[in-house]
Amino acid sequence: MPLADCARNLGLWVPSWRAPHFLGIRVPDGGDLAERGADPTSMRQALKEMGFHVSVRAGAIRVSVYLYSTLDHVDSFCCALEKVVSDLPGVSQ
């Protein structure tokens, strides 16, 4: 699954206009994820603890996928992002 679709399926916002090699993932203002305490900085830290290095720029999680990234890397990142979202308060597991 493309990375942008993965993020959108989790309730995150990704612009349709973007460069093909990186994207900014945002927590929608006033949405369910924001109410549950999702914020880019804490999500970046959680992803870092799982071995994924992303940055936060202008309130978005910036993910760079480039020449050496494989589909397995993207799938692993999607699983990690799903875990970060599912670990937010307010979701029964």
C-alpha atoms as a PDB file:
ATOM      1  CA  MET A   1       0.000   0.000   0.000  1.00  0.00           C
ATOM      2  CA  PRO A   2       1.392   3.425  -0.825  1.00  0.00           C
ATOM      3  CA  LEU A   3       2.567   5.347   2.214  1.00  0.00           C
ATOM      4  CA  ALA A   4       0.136   8.227   1.705  1.00  0.00           C
ATOM      5  CA  ASP A   5      -2.823   5.821   1.563  1.00  0.00           C
ATOM      6  CA  CYS A   6      -1.606   4.072   4.700  1.00  0.00           C
ATOM      7  CA  ALA A   7      -1.525   7.372   6.604  1.00  0.00           C
ATOM      8  CA  ARG A   8      -4.927   8.462   5.276  1.00  0.00           C
ATOM      9  CA  ASN A   9      -6.483   5.122   6.294  1.00  0.00           C
ATOM     10  CA  LEU A  10      -5.316   5.820   9.857  1.00  0.00           C
ATOM     11  CA  GLY A  11      -7.115   9.177   9.910  1.00  0.00           C
ATOM     12  CA  LEU A  12      -4.039  11.275   9.225  1.00  0.00           C
ATOM     13  CA  TRP A  13      -3.920  13.987   6.576  1.00  0.00           C
ATOM     14  CA  VAL A  14      -1.551  13.927   3.621  1.00  0.00           C
ATOM     15  CA  PRO A  15      -1.746  16.578   0.892  1.00  0.00           C
ATOM     16  CA  SER A  16      -2.478  15.397  -2.623  1.00  0.00           C
ATOM     17  CA  TRP A  17       0.108  17.873  -3.977  1.00  0.00           C
ATOM     18  CA  ARG A  18       3.554  16.762  -2.931  1.00  0.00           C
ATOM     19  CA  ALA A  19       6.930  15.672  -4.214  1.00  0.00           C
ATOM     20  CA  PRO A  20       7.122  11.949  -4.994  1.00  0.00           C
ATOM     21  CA  HIS A  21      10.075  11.275  -2.671  1.00  0.00           C
ATOM     22  CA  PHE A  22       8.762  12.733   0.591  1.00  0.00           C
ATOM     23  CA  LEU A  23       5.508  13.586   2.254  1.00  0.00           C
ATOM     24  CA  GLY A  24       4.231  15.450   5.271  1.00  0.00           C
ATOM     25  CA  ILE A  25       1.791  13.572   7.488  1.00  0.00           C
ATOM     26  CA  ARG A  26      -0.421  15.766   9.659  1.00  0.00           C
ATOM     27  CA  VAL A  27      -2.790  15.167  12.540  1.00  0.00           C
ATOM     28  CA  PRO A  28      -6.051  16.845  11.462  1.00  0.00           C
ATOM     29  CA  ASP A  29      -7.059  19.721  13.750  1.00  0.00           C
ATOM     30  CA  GLY A  30     -10.100  18.958  15.872  1.00  0.00           C
ATOM     31  CA  GLY A  31     -10.339  15.350  14.706  1.00  0.00           C
ATOM     32  CA  ASP A  32     -10.438  12.142  16.689  1.00  0.00           C
ATOM     33  CA  LEU A  33      -6.659  11.703  16.681  1.00  0.00           C
ATOM     34  CA  ALA A  34      -6.054  15.242  17.965  1.00  0.00           C
ATOM     35  CA  GLU A  35      -8.628  14.675  20.719  1.00  0.00           C
ATOM     36  CA  ARG A  36      -6.768  11.492  21.694  1.00  0.00           C
ATOM     37  CA  GLY A  37      -3.520  13.442  22.068  1.00  0.00           C
ATOM     38  CA  ALA A  38      -1.744  12.699  18.792  1.00  0.00           C
ATOM     39  CA  ASP A  39       0.905  15.245  17.962  1.00  0.00           C
ATOM     40  CA  PRO A  40       3.761  15.118  15.466  1.00  0.00           C
ATOM     41  CA  THR A  41       6.548  15.441  18.024  1.00  0.00           C
ATOM     42  CA  SER A  42       5.437  12.534  20.215  1.00  0.00           C
ATOM     43  CA  MET A  43       4.658  10.440  17.137  1.00  0.00           C
ATOM     44  CA  ARG A  44       8.173  11.170  15.803  1.00  0.00           C
ATOM     45  CA  GLN A  45       9.648   9.996  19.092  1.00  0.00           C
ATOM     46  CA  ALA A  46       7.588   6.789  19.079  1.00  0.00           C
ATOM     47  CA  LEU A  47       8.653   6.067  15.497  1.00  0.00           C
ATOM     48  CA  LYS A  48      12.293   6.748  16.429  1.00  0.00           C
ATOM     49  CA  GLU A  49      12.039   4.214  19.253  1.00  0.00           C
ATOM     50  CA  MET A  50      10.898   1.679  16.627  1.00  0.00           C
ATOM     51  CA  GLY A  51      13.907   2.449  14.436  1.00  0.00           C
ATOM     52  CA  PHE A  52      12.341   4.903  11.977  1.00  0.00           C
ATOM     53  CA  HIS A  53      13.962   8.288  11.535  1.00  0.00           C
ATOM     54  CA  VAL A  54      11.587  11.041  10.492  1.00  0.00           C
ATOM     55  CA  SER A  55      11.539  14.755  11.192  1.00  0.00           C
ATOM     56  CA  VAL A  56       8.893  17.272  12.130  1.00  0.00           C
ATOM     57  CA  ARG A  57       8.617  20.276   9.845  1.00  0.00           C
ATOM     58  CA  ALA A  58       5.888  22.928  10.012  1.00  0.00           C
ATOM     59  CA  GLY A  59       3.691  20.733  12.193  1.00  0.00           C
ATOM     60  CA  ALA A  60       3.931  17.654   9.987  1.00  0.00           C
ATOM     61  CA  ILE A  61       5.824  14.401  10.248  1.00  0.00           C
ATOM     62  CA  ARG A  62       8.163  14.458   7.255  1.00  0.00           C
ATOM     63  CA  VAL A  63       8.872  11.062   5.775  1.00  0.00           C
ATOM     64  CA  SER A  64      11.472  10.713   3.044  1.00  0.00           C
ATOM     65  CA  VAL A  65      11.293   7.684   0.800  1.00  0.00           C
ATOM     66  CA  TYR A  66      14.011   7.590  -1.787  1.00  0.00           C
ATOM     67  CA  LEU A  67      16.318   5.491  -3.863  1.00  0.00           C
ATOM     68  CA  TYR A  68      17.265   2.923  -1.223  1.00  0.00           C
ATOM     69  CA  SER A  69      13.806   2.453   0.316  1.00  0.00           C
ATOM     70  CA  THR A  70      12.097  -0.804  -0.599  1.00  0.00           C
ATOM     71  CA  LEU A  71       8.441  -1.794  -0.488  1.00  0.00           C
ATOM     72  CA  ASP A  72       9.288  -3.827   2.619  1.00  0.00           C
ATOM     73  CA  HIS A  73      10.581  -0.627   4.269  1.00  0.00           C
ATOM     74  CA  VAL A  74       7.340   1.162   3.400  1.00  0.00           C
ATOM     75  CA  ASP A  75       5.244  -1.735   4.712  1.00  0.00           C
ATOM     76  CA  SER A  76       7.253  -1.810   7.946  1.00  0.00           C
ATOM     77  CA  PHE A  77       6.815   1.930   8.373  1.00  0.00           C
ATOM     78  CA  CYS A  78       3.053   1.607   7.800  1.00  0.00           C
ATOM     79  CA  CYS A  79       2.870  -1.078  10.508  1.00  0.00           C
ATOM     80  CA  ALA A  80       4.835   1.150  12.888  1.00  0.00           C
ATOM     81  CA  LEU A  81       2.613   4.142  12.143  1.00  0.00           C
ATOM     82  CA  GLU A  82      -0.459   2.000  12.743  1.00  0.00           C
ATOM     83  CA  LYS A  83       0.967   0.947  16.122  1.00  0.00           C
ATOM     84  CA  VAL A  84       1.671   4.563  17.085  1.00  0.00           C
ATOM     85  CA  VAL A  85      -1.942   5.493  16.287  1.00  0.00           C
ATOM     86  CA  SER A  86      -3.431   2.423  17.969  1.00  0.00           C
ATOM     87  CA  ASP A  87      -1.388   3.100  21.123  1.00  0.00           C
ATOM     88  CA  LEU A  88      -3.034   6.500  21.572  1.00  0.00           C
ATOM     89  CA  PRO A  89      -5.433   6.778  24.527  1.00  0.00           C
ATOM     90  CA  GLY A  90      -9.052   5.975  23.803  1.00  0.00           C
ATOM     91  CA  VAL A  91      -8.664   2.829  21.707  1.00  0.00           C
ATOM     92  CA  SER A  92      -9.447  -0.522  23.248  1.00  0.00           C
ATOM     93  CA  GLN A  93      -7.016  -3.189  22.145  1.00  0.00           C
END
